[in-house]
Amino acid sequence: MWDILPGTLYHWYRDHISDYLPDRSSGKWPSESLMEVDDDTGEVLKEQPVYVLKPENVGDRMCIDDKAIGHDGFTILSNAQTGKIAMMIESCREKELVDALSFFGDALLKVKTVSCDMSPTYLKLCREQMPHAQTVVDKFHVMSYLYDAVLDVLSRVKKELAEQLTKGKEKTEEDRKILYGLELLKRCRYRLTQSVEKWTETTRQLMAQIFDRHKDLKTVYDLAQDFKKWYDKNNCSKHITVIKNDLYQWYEQVQQAGLDEMKSVVRMIRKHQYEILNYFSGGHTNAKAETLNSKIQRFVAANYGYRDKDFALYRIAGYFHSTSKKELAIFIANSKIILTFAPPKNTDSVAQLVEQLTLNQWGESSSLSGVT
């Protein structure tokens, strides 16, 4: 049994054990397709499959995010409460996304909150296709933009310091001090994104030394930490007027600091201020969508990528959109691939094979009660 080649096992699974070929021949896979038709001739110019379309997975809180699978870009609409995929399509274009969402009919009317990043396409899609839902810009993306500005200040300080070095091979005493300062700056990159409470005593001494030498770093760090405290979930209990006033005070602090890098952050926040403030109505984020993306990434990585794209997407769709606990996940240890499928009509022999060959993803037996 252990002499079975991985390719043979994969062939058995795809063509015989799984329902891939029957579903494909019967039209069950993919779920739906978008047709681009020539108005004059009626010829189908392009067919865009919608790999997952499950209106039953639509709930009160939804997330929409992009995901790169291999070299292809996908848009995934998922349930923020269950983590199940409601829609997956290989496109980030507005027209195709609007056409795909039209398959949901009235199901989108039940959505009360939808979170996304700051993509103009996704923001417009949420406003127009889910008009009754409150759109929330994801906190993670806002904070990432903020910390990028902090690191931009660090890069500028390092560049200015490096320009003071003497040209030539011989280094002066002043050059050695500058090189030591550059070494300190390299060590503080990660610390600039942490709160003071997470610093060790050694880190506190290092950062105090750096802040004494570079006032701009001290200023931008304090501004970033002030905004982080303002963006805390504990502030959801405050009145929205108080939250707005605190934000406007932060705007003034940035203006007084005079750092161009932070001024760009203010412009971004002002542009999306309404959607950012919506966060405080319930503390909703895109965390479930990011977790789902990570699971899909691990699924693909465990298979060392994929060559059979359509079957790989079939397996991903079968696992991540399921609402049933009867699905089996087979993790083949000797071939290093993960196989996930809906159980065929006769599962007794398959279950015995799984019991002998596999361990599941969590290092337990192949019985997967509670895995969905």
Protein backbone atom coordinates (compact mmCIF):
# COMPACT_ATOMS: atom_id res chain seq x y z
CA MET A 1 0.00 0.00 0.00
CA TRP A 2 2.82 2.40 0.83
CA ASP A 3 4.31 1.84 -2.66
CA ILE A 4 1.44 3.79 -4.27
CA LEU A 5 2.78 6.75 -6.21
CA PRO A 6 1.39 10.17 -5.21
CA GLY A 7 0.28 10.78 -8.79
CA THR A 8 -1.68 7.54 -8.82
CA LEU A 9 -3.35 8.35 -5.52
CA TYR A 10 -4.20 11.83 -6.79
CA HIS A 11 -5.71 10.33 -9.96
CA TRP A 12 -7.83 7.92 -7.93
CA TYR A 13 -9.07 10.68 -5.72
CA ARG A 14 -9.87 13.18 -8.47
CA ASP A 15 -11.42 10.83 -11.05
CA HIS A 16 -13.04 8.16 -8.88
CA ILE A 17 -13.39 8.96 -5.17
CA SER A 18 -14.42 12.60 -5.39
CA ASP A 19 -17.50 13.93 -7.17
CA TYR A 20 -15.42 16.29 -9.31
CA LEU A 21 -16.08 14.68 -12.73
CA PRO A 22 -19.81 14.04 -12.11
CA ASP A 23 -20.29 17.58 -10.83
CA ARG A 24 -18.45 19.01 -13.81
CA SER A 25 -20.36 16.95 -16.38
CA SER A 26 -23.73 17.72 -14.74
CA GLY A 27 -23.03 21.46 -14.55
CA LYS A 28 -22.93 21.63 -10.75
CA TRP A 29 -19.36 22.86 -10.96
CA PRO A 30 -18.69 25.72 -11.23
CA SER A 31 -21.75 27.12 -9.46
CA GLU A 32 -22.52 29.84 -12.03
CA SER A 33 -20.84 31.58 -14.95
CA LEU A 34 -20.84 35.12 -16.28
CA MET A 35 -21.13 35.48 -20.04
CA GLU A 36 -19.74 38.37 -22.04
CA VAL A 37 -21.69 38.34 -25.29
CA ASP A 38 -21.16 40.32 -28.50
CA ASP A 39 -24.27 42.49 -28.99
CA ASP A 40 -24.16 42.22 -32.79
CA THR A 41 -23.40 38.54 -33.36
CA GLY A 42 -24.51 37.00 -30.07
CA GLU A 43 -21.16 35.23 -29.83
CA VAL A 44 -19.87 34.45 -26.32
CA LEU A 45 -16.64 36.41 -26.04
CA LYS A 46 -15.71 35.40 -22.51
CA GLU A 47 -17.01 33.05 -19.85
CA GLN A 48 -16.12 33.91 -16.24
CA PRO A 49 -16.92 31.12 -13.75
CA VAL A 50 -18.22 31.96 -10.28
CA TYR A 51 -16.58 29.15 -8.33
CA VAL A 52 -18.64 29.56 -5.16
CA LEU A 53 -22.13 31.02 -4.96
CA LYS A 54 -23.95 30.16 -1.75
CA PRO A 55 -26.77 32.59 -0.76
CA GLU A 56 -27.37 30.50 2.37
CA ASN A 57 -23.96 31.60 3.68
CA VAL A 58 -25.00 35.27 3.64
CA GLY A 59 -25.54 36.64 7.16
CA ASP A 60 -25.82 39.86 9.14
CA ARG A 61 -22.07 40.53 9.05
CA MET A 62 -20.10 40.00 5.87
CA CYS A 63 -16.51 40.60 4.73
CA ILE A 64 -15.21 41.20 1.22
CA ASP A 65 -11.52 40.87 0.47
CA ASP A 66 -9.12 40.01 -2.33
CA LYS A 67 -6.98 36.88 -2.31
CA ALA A 68 -4.12 35.77 -4.53
CA ILE A 69 -4.22 32.03 -5.18
CA GLY A 70 -1.16 31.13 -7.17
CA HIS A 71 -0.75 33.89 -9.73
CA ASP A 72 -4.47 34.64 -9.96
CA GLY A 73 -6.45 37.30 -8.10
CA PHE A 74 -9.79 36.37 -6.52
CA THR A 75 -12.53 38.28 -4.72
CA ILE A 76 -14.05 36.43 -1.78
CA LEU A 77 -17.28 37.39 0.01
CA SER A 78 -17.44 35.57 3.33
CA ASN A 79 -19.59 35.43 6.45
CA ALA A 80 -17.83 37.22 9.33
CA GLN A 81 -19.65 35.08 11.91
CA THR A 82 -19.28 31.58 10.44
CA GLY A 83 -16.21 32.07 8.25
CA LYS A 84 -17.96 30.39 5.30
CA ILE A 85 -17.54 31.60 1.73
CA ALA A 86 -20.66 33.01 0.08
CA MET A 87 -18.98 33.98 -3.21
CA MET A 88 -15.62 33.37 -4.84
CA ILE A 89 -14.78 34.68 -8.29
CA GLU A 90 -11.53 35.10 -10.16
CA SER A 91 -11.90 38.83 -10.71
CA CYS A 92 -11.47 42.19 -9.00
CA ARG A 93 -13.26 44.17 -11.72
CA GLU A 94 -16.31 46.12 -10.66
CA LYS A 95 -18.59 45.08 -13.54
CA GLU A 96 -17.95 41.36 -13.07
CA LEU A 97 -18.40 41.63 -9.31
CA VAL A 98 -21.71 43.45 -9.72
CA ASP A 99 -22.92 40.77 -12.16
CA ALA A 100 -21.85 38.01 -9.75
CA LEU A 101 -23.64 39.63 -6.79
CA SER A 102 -26.81 39.87 -8.85
CA PHE A 103 -27.17 36.07 -8.49
CA PHE A 104 -27.87 36.56 -4.76
CA GLY A 105 -31.16 38.35 -5.38
CA ASP A 106 -32.73 39.54 -2.11
CA ALA A 107 -30.28 37.60 0.06
CA LEU A 108 -28.00 40.65 0.34
CA LEU A 109 -30.80 42.65 1.95
CA LYS A 110 -30.22 40.82 5.23
CA VAL A 111 -26.63 42.15 5.48
CA LYS A 112 -26.34 44.75 8.24
CA THR A 113 -22.57 45.27 8.32
CA VAL A 114 -19.94 44.69 5.64
CA SER A 115 -16.23 45.29 6.13
CA CYS A 116 -13.58 45.73 3.44
CA ASP A 117 -10.28 47.42 2.77
CA MET A 118 -9.92 50.90 1.25
CA SER A 119 -10.22 49.69 -2.34
CA PRO A 120 -12.46 52.12 -4.28
CA THR A 121 -14.00 49.15 -6.12
CA TYR A 122 -14.99 47.32 -2.94
CA LEU A 123 -16.24 50.46 -1.20
CA LYS A 124 -18.46 51.35 -4.17
CA LEU A 125 -19.64 47.75 -4.42
CA CYS A 126 -20.66 47.69 -0.76
CA ARG A 127 -22.52 51.00 -0.96
CA GLU A 128 -24.44 50.16 -4.13
CA GLN A 129 -25.05 46.42 -3.86
CA MET A 130 -25.67 46.31 -0.10
CA PRO A 131 -27.39 49.66 0.47
CA HIS A 132 -28.93 48.64 3.82
CA ALA A 133 -25.57 47.57 5.23
CA GLN A 134 -23.15 49.72 7.20
CA THR A 135 -19.76 49.79 5.45
CA VAL A 136 -16.72 49.54 7.73
CA VAL A 137 -13.15 50.08 6.56
CA ASP A 138 -11.01 47.34 8.05
CA LYS A 139 -8.92 48.46 11.03
CA PHE A 140 -5.92 46.35 10.02
CA HIS A 141 -5.51 48.16 6.70
CA VAL A 142 -5.79 51.58 8.34
CA MET A 143 -3.15 50.72 10.94
CA SER A 144 -0.89 49.24 8.24
CA TYR A 145 -1.08 52.53 6.35
CA LEU A 146 -0.21 54.39 9.54
CA TYR A 147 2.79 52.21 10.37
CA ASP A 148 4.02 52.50 6.78
CA ALA A 149 4.21 56.25 7.39
CA VAL A 150 6.17 55.65 10.63
CA LEU A 151 8.65 53.48 8.75
CA ASP A 152 8.88 56.10 6.00
CA VAL A 153 10.10 58.57 8.61
CA LEU A 154 12.63 55.98 9.78
CA SER A 155 13.87 55.53 6.20
CA ARG A 156 14.20 59.28 5.76
CA VAL A 157 16.19 59.64 9.00
CA LYS A 158 18.52 56.80 7.97
CA LYS A 159 19.05 58.35 4.54
CA GLU A 160 19.84 61.76 6.00
CA LEU A 161 22.29 60.19 8.43
CA ALA A 162 23.98 58.11 5.71
CA GLU A 163 24.51 61.22 3.58
CA GLN A 164 26.70 62.66 6.34
CA LEU A 165 29.30 59.91 5.89
CA THR A 166 32.63 60.95 4.45
CA LYS A 167 33.20 59.75 0.91
CA GLY A 168 36.21 57.50 0.51
CA LYS A 169 37.68 54.46 2.21
CA GLU A 170 39.12 56.19 5.27
CA LYS A 171 36.59 56.69 8.04
CA THR A 172 36.86 59.43 10.63
CA GLU A 173 35.74 59.30 14.24
CA GLU A 174 32.57 61.13 13.22
CA ASP A 175 31.90 58.46 10.58
CA ARG A 176 32.15 55.72 13.18
CA LYS A 177 29.56 57.52 15.32
CA ILE A 178 27.26 57.79 12.31
CA LEU A 179 27.65 54.07 11.51
CA TYR A 180 26.83 53.24 15.12
CA GLY A 181 23.72 55.43 14.86
CA LEU A 182 22.65 53.62 11.66
CA GLU A 183 23.07 50.28 13.42
CA LEU A 184 20.79 51.47 16.22
CA LEU A 185 18.16 52.55 13.69
CA LYS A 186 18.19 49.10 12.06
CA ARG A 187 17.44 47.53 15.43
CA CYS A 188 14.45 49.78 16.18
CA ARG A 189 12.35 49.09 13.07
CA TYR A 190 10.06 46.51 14.66
CA ARG A 191 9.93 48.37 17.98
CA LEU A 192 8.38 51.41 16.32
CA THR A 193 5.20 49.43 15.68
CA GLN A 194 4.90 48.19 19.27
CA SER A 195 3.36 49.91 22.26
CA VAL A 196 5.62 50.89 25.16
CA GLU A 197 4.01 48.23 27.36
CA LYS A 198 5.47 45.49 25.15
CA TRP A 199 9.04 46.80 25.35
CA THR A 200 11.60 45.10 27.56
CA GLU A 201 13.90 47.16 29.76
CA THR A 202 16.69 46.79 27.20
CA THR A 203 14.37 47.98 24.45
CA ARG A 204 13.33 50.99 26.52
CA GLN A 205 16.95 52.02 26.91
CA LEU A 206 17.58 51.55 23.18
CA MET A 207 14.54 53.58 22.15
CA ALA A 208 15.32 56.34 24.65
CA GLN A 209 18.75 56.66 23.09
CA ILE A 210 17.30 56.79 19.58
CA PHE A 211 14.58 59.28 20.48
CA ASP A 212 17.16 61.60 22.07
CA ARG A 213 19.09 61.65 18.80
CA HIS A 214 16.17 61.81 16.37
CA LYS A 215 13.24 63.98 17.44
CA ASP A 216 11.18 63.19 14.32
CA LEU A 217 11.10 59.51 15.26
CA LYS A 218 9.93 60.38 18.75
CA THR A 219 7.21 62.62 17.33
CA VAL A 220 5.91 60.15 14.73
CA TYR A 221 5.95 57.30 17.26
CA ASP A 222 3.90 59.30 19.75
CA LEU A 223 1.40 60.28 17.05
CA ALA A 224 1.02 56.65 15.93
CA GLN A 225 0.47 55.46 19.50
CA ASP A 226 -2.08 58.22 20.15
CA PHE A 227 -4.05 57.15 17.09
CA LYS A 228 -3.80 53.50 18.14
CA LYS A 229 -5.30 54.37 21.53
CA TRP A 230 -8.08 56.33 19.81
CA TYR A 231 -8.78 53.32 17.54
CA ASP A 232 -9.12 50.94 20.49
CA LYS A 233 -12.20 48.72 20.70
CA ASN A 234 -12.81 49.85 24.29
CA ASN A 235 -13.78 53.27 22.91
CA CYS A 236 -16.85 51.77 21.23
CA SER A 237 -18.79 52.59 24.39
CA LYS A 238 -18.10 56.33 23.97
CA HIS A 239 -20.52 58.68 22.25
CA ILE A 240 -19.70 59.27 18.60
CA THR A 241 -19.35 63.03 19.22
CA VAL A 242 -16.57 62.40 21.76
CA ILE A 243 -14.84 60.03 19.35
CA LYS A 244 -14.97 62.61 16.55
CA ASN A 245 -13.61 65.38 18.79
CA ASP A 246 -10.69 63.17 19.83
CA LEU A 247 -9.95 62.47 16.17
CA TYR A 248 -10.01 66.16 15.28
CA GLN A 249 -7.57 66.87 18.10
CA TRP A 250 -5.26 64.25 16.65
CA TYR A 251 -5.51 65.97 13.26
CA GLU A 252 -4.30 69.18 14.91
CA GLN A 253 -1.38 67.40 16.56
CA VAL A 254 -0.28 66.05 13.18
CA GLN A 255 -0.56 69.51 11.65
CA GLN A 256 1.60 71.00 14.40
CA ALA A 257 4.20 68.24 14.03
CA GLY A 258 4.73 69.20 10.39
CA LEU A 259 5.70 65.70 9.20
CA ASP A 260 4.77 65.18 5.55
CA GLU A 261 4.53 61.42 6.04
CA MET A 262 1.81 61.82 8.67
CA LYS A 263 -0.02 64.47 6.68
CA SER A 264 -0.63 61.84 3.99
CA VAL A 265 -2.14 59.58 6.68
CA VAL A 266 -4.51 62.38 7.72
CA ARG A 267 -5.62 62.83 4.10
CA MET A 268 -6.35 59.11 3.85
CA ILE A 269 -8.32 59.07 7.11
CA ARG A 270 -10.31 62.18 6.13
CA LYS A 271 -11.18 60.53 2.81
CA HIS A 272 -12.54 57.41 4.54
CA GLN A 273 -13.56 59.00 7.83
CA TYR A 274 -17.21 57.96 7.67
CA GLU A 275 -16.38 54.27 7.11
CA ILE A 276 -13.59 54.37 9.72
CA LEU A 277 -15.91 55.85 12.35
CA ASN A 278 -18.41 53.07 11.64
CA TYR A 279 -15.96 50.75 13.37
CA PHE A 280 -17.03 52.15 16.74
CA SER A 281 -20.64 51.06 16.25
CA GLY A 282 -19.70 47.43 16.88
CA GLY A 283 -15.96 46.91 16.53
CA HIS A 284 -16.33 44.94 13.30
CA THR A 285 -13.17 44.08 11.35
CA ASN A 286 -12.06 41.91 8.44
CA ALA A 287 -10.33 39.49 10.81
CA LYS A 288 -12.45 36.51 9.69
CA ALA A 289 -11.65 37.22 6.04
CA GLU A 290 -7.91 37.48 6.77
CA THR A 291 -8.10 34.20 8.72
CA LEU A 292 -9.89 32.58 5.80
CA ASN A 293 -7.18 33.83 3.43
CA SER A 294 -4.52 32.31 5.68
CA LYS A 295 -6.32 28.95 5.72
CA ILE A 296 -6.56 28.93 1.93
CA GLN A 297 -2.87 29.84 1.72
CA ARG A 298 -1.94 26.94 4.01
CA PHE A 299 -4.19 24.65 1.97
CA VAL A 300 -2.33 25.59 -1.22
CA ALA A 301 1.10 25.52 0.44
CA ALA A 302 0.50 22.03 1.83
CA ASN A 303 -0.05 20.93 -1.77
CA TYR A 304 3.13 22.70 -2.93
CA GLY A 305 1.00 24.98 -5.08
CA TYR A 306 -1.26 23.51 -7.73
CA ARG A 307 -1.06 22.51 -11.37
CA ASP A 308 -4.62 21.31 -11.82
CA LYS A 309 -6.22 24.71 -11.19
CA ASP A 310 -9.86 23.76 -11.69
CA PHE A 311 -9.70 20.74 -9.37
CA ALA A 312 -7.76 22.70 -6.76
CA LEU A 313 -10.49 25.36 -6.73
CA TYR A 314 -13.12 22.62 -6.57
CA ARG A 315 -11.50 21.28 -3.41
CA ILE A 316 -11.10 24.73 -1.88
CA ALA A 317 -14.74 25.54 -2.64
CA GLY A 318 -15.93 22.21 -1.26
CA TYR A 319 -14.15 22.74 2.03
CA PHE A 320 -14.50 26.46 2.75
CA HIS A 321 -18.11 27.03 1.71
CA SER A 322 -19.57 23.95 3.38
CA THR A 323 -22.33 24.22 5.93
CA SER A 324 -22.37 20.45 6.60
CA LYS A 325 -20.28 18.49 9.08
CA LYS A 326 -20.45 15.35 6.92
CA GLU A 327 -17.60 16.40 4.65
CA LEU A 328 -14.34 14.51 4.93
CA ALA A 329 -10.88 16.07 4.84
CA ILE A 330 -8.17 13.61 3.80
CA PHE A 331 -4.59 14.53 4.54
CA ILE A 332 -2.29 12.08 2.74
CA ALA A 333 0.93 11.93 4.75
CA ASN A 334 3.14 10.02 2.32
CA SER A 335 2.31 12.15 -0.74
CA LYS A 336 2.32 15.48 1.12
CA ILE A 337 -0.99 16.64 -0.35
CA ILE A 338 -4.34 17.50 1.22
CA LEU A 339 -7.48 16.07 -0.32
CA THR A 340 -10.85 17.42 0.71
CA PHE A 341 -14.13 16.11 -0.66
CA ALA A 342 -17.84 15.58 -0.08
CA PRO A 343 -18.41 11.91 0.78
CA PRO A 344 -19.45 9.67 -2.14
CA LYS A 345 -22.35 7.25 -1.91
CA ASN A 346 -20.20 4.40 -0.56
CA THR A 347 -17.80 5.73 2.05
CA ASP A 348 -17.04 2.55 4.03
CA SER A 349 -14.00 1.46 2.00
CA VAL A 350 -12.79 5.06 1.73
CA ALA A 351 -13.01 5.52 5.50
CA GLN A 352 -10.94 2.37 6.04
CA LEU A 353 -8.30 3.60 3.59
CA VAL A 354 -8.22 6.98 5.30
CA GLU A 355 -7.85 5.35 8.71
CA GLN A 356 -4.76 3.46 7.54
CA LEU A 357 -3.08 6.16 5.48
CA THR A 358 -3.81 9.49 7.05
CA LEU A 359 -3.84 11.83 9.96
CA ASN A 360 -5.90 14.95 9.77
CA GLN A 361 -4.62 18.52 9.86
CA TRP A 362 -4.76 18.69 13.66
CA GLY A 363 -2.79 15.49 14.31
CA GLU A 364 -5.90 13.58 15.40
CA SER A 365 -7.63 10.55 13.92
CA SER A 366 -9.27 10.86 10.52
CA SER A 367 -12.69 11.25 12.11
CA LEU A 368 -13.51 14.91 11.53
CA SER A 369 -16.48 15.61 13.72
CA GLY A 370 -16.72 19.35 14.27
CA VAL A 371 -14.27 20.29 11.47
CA THR A 372 -16.59 22.68 9.58
